[in-house]
């Protein structure tokens, strides 16, 4: 099985959330994300999370903190 992903638009940014295949030994699954301004290349964040909702919340938090620093 290949990785699957969703792309979500949020506050002028694109978030690509990618799911790894289920680990055969443990049955666990991991999530990571990449972000970029809409229409620009996406940059991977490089952290691994344990759930879709967690990774989406972290991506939104990162975008919000970037927007606050502008």
Protein backbone atom coordinates (compact mmCIF):
# COMPACT_ATOMS: atom_id res chain seq x y z
CA UNK A 1 0.00 0.00 0.00
CA UNK A 2 1.23 3.50 -0.82
CA UNK A 3 0.93 6.56 1.35
CA UNK A 4 -2.34 8.45 0.98
CA UNK A 5 -2.89 12.14 1.53
CA UNK A 6 -5.45 14.94 1.77
CA UNK A 7 -4.98 18.58 0.80
CA UNK A 8 -6.79 21.21 2.86
CA UNK A 9 -6.87 24.98 2.36
CA UNK A 10 -6.57 27.12 5.51
CA UNK A 11 -5.95 30.89 5.84
CA UNK A 12 -4.22 31.21 2.46
CA UNK A 13 -2.11 28.08 2.93
CA UNK A 14 -2.30 24.56 1.58
CA UNK A 15 -1.84 21.72 4.05
CA UNK A 16 -1.01 18.28 2.69
CA UNK A 17 -1.64 15.62 5.33
CA UNK A 18 -0.01 12.30 4.49
CA UNK A 19 -0.80 8.94 6.07
CA UNK A 20 1.74 6.15 6.14
CA UNK A 21 0.69 2.56 5.55
CA UNK A 22 -0.32 0.54 8.61
CA UNK A 23 2.70 -1.10 10.25
CA UNK A 24 2.27 -4.87 9.93
CA UNK A 25 3.96 -5.70 13.23
CA UNK A 26 2.26 -3.11 15.44
CA UNK A 27 -0.86 -2.13 13.49
CA UNK A 28 0.04 1.53 14.04
CA UNK A 29 -0.28 4.30 11.51
CA UNK A 30 1.48 7.65 11.40
CA UNK A 31 0.71 11.06 9.92
CA UNK A 32 2.87 13.94 8.74
CA UNK A 33 2.19 17.19 6.93
CA UNK A 34 3.61 19.71 4.51
CA UNK A 35 2.51 23.33 4.21
CA UNK A 36 2.94 26.20 1.78
CA UNK A 37 1.14 29.30 0.70
CA UNK A 38 -1.61 28.46 -1.75
CA UNK A 39 -0.09 28.03 -5.22
CA UNK A 40 3.47 27.70 -3.88
CA UNK A 41 5.56 24.55 -3.32
CA UNK A 42 4.77 22.62 -0.15
CA UNK A 43 7.49 22.26 2.48
CA UNK A 44 7.55 19.14 4.69
CA UNK A 45 7.51 19.77 8.44
CA UNK A 46 9.39 16.59 9.36
CA UNK A 47 7.47 15.53 12.46
CA UNK A 48 5.34 12.40 12.84
CA UNK A 49 1.98 12.39 14.61
CA UNK A 50 -0.32 9.65 15.83
CA UNK A 51 -3.65 10.82 14.43
CA UNK A 52 -5.34 12.85 11.69
CA UNK A 53 -6.98 15.35 14.04
CA UNK A 54 -3.69 15.90 15.88
CA UNK A 55 -1.70 16.57 12.72
CA UNK A 56 -4.39 18.92 11.35
CA UNK A 57 -4.49 20.89 14.62
CA UNK A 58 -0.67 21.17 14.63
CA UNK A 59 -0.62 22.37 11.00
CA UNK A 60 -3.26 25.03 11.73
CA UNK A 61 -1.39 26.12 14.86
CA UNK A 62 1.83 26.52 12.82
CA UNK A 63 0.03 28.57 10.15
CA UNK A 64 -1.64 30.76 12.77
CA UNK A 65 1.71 31.41 14.49
CA UNK A 66 3.29 32.37 11.14
CA UNK A 67 0.42 34.76 10.41
CA UNK A 68 0.77 36.36 13.87
CA UNK A 69 4.48 37.03 13.22
CA UNK A 70 3.90 38.91 9.96
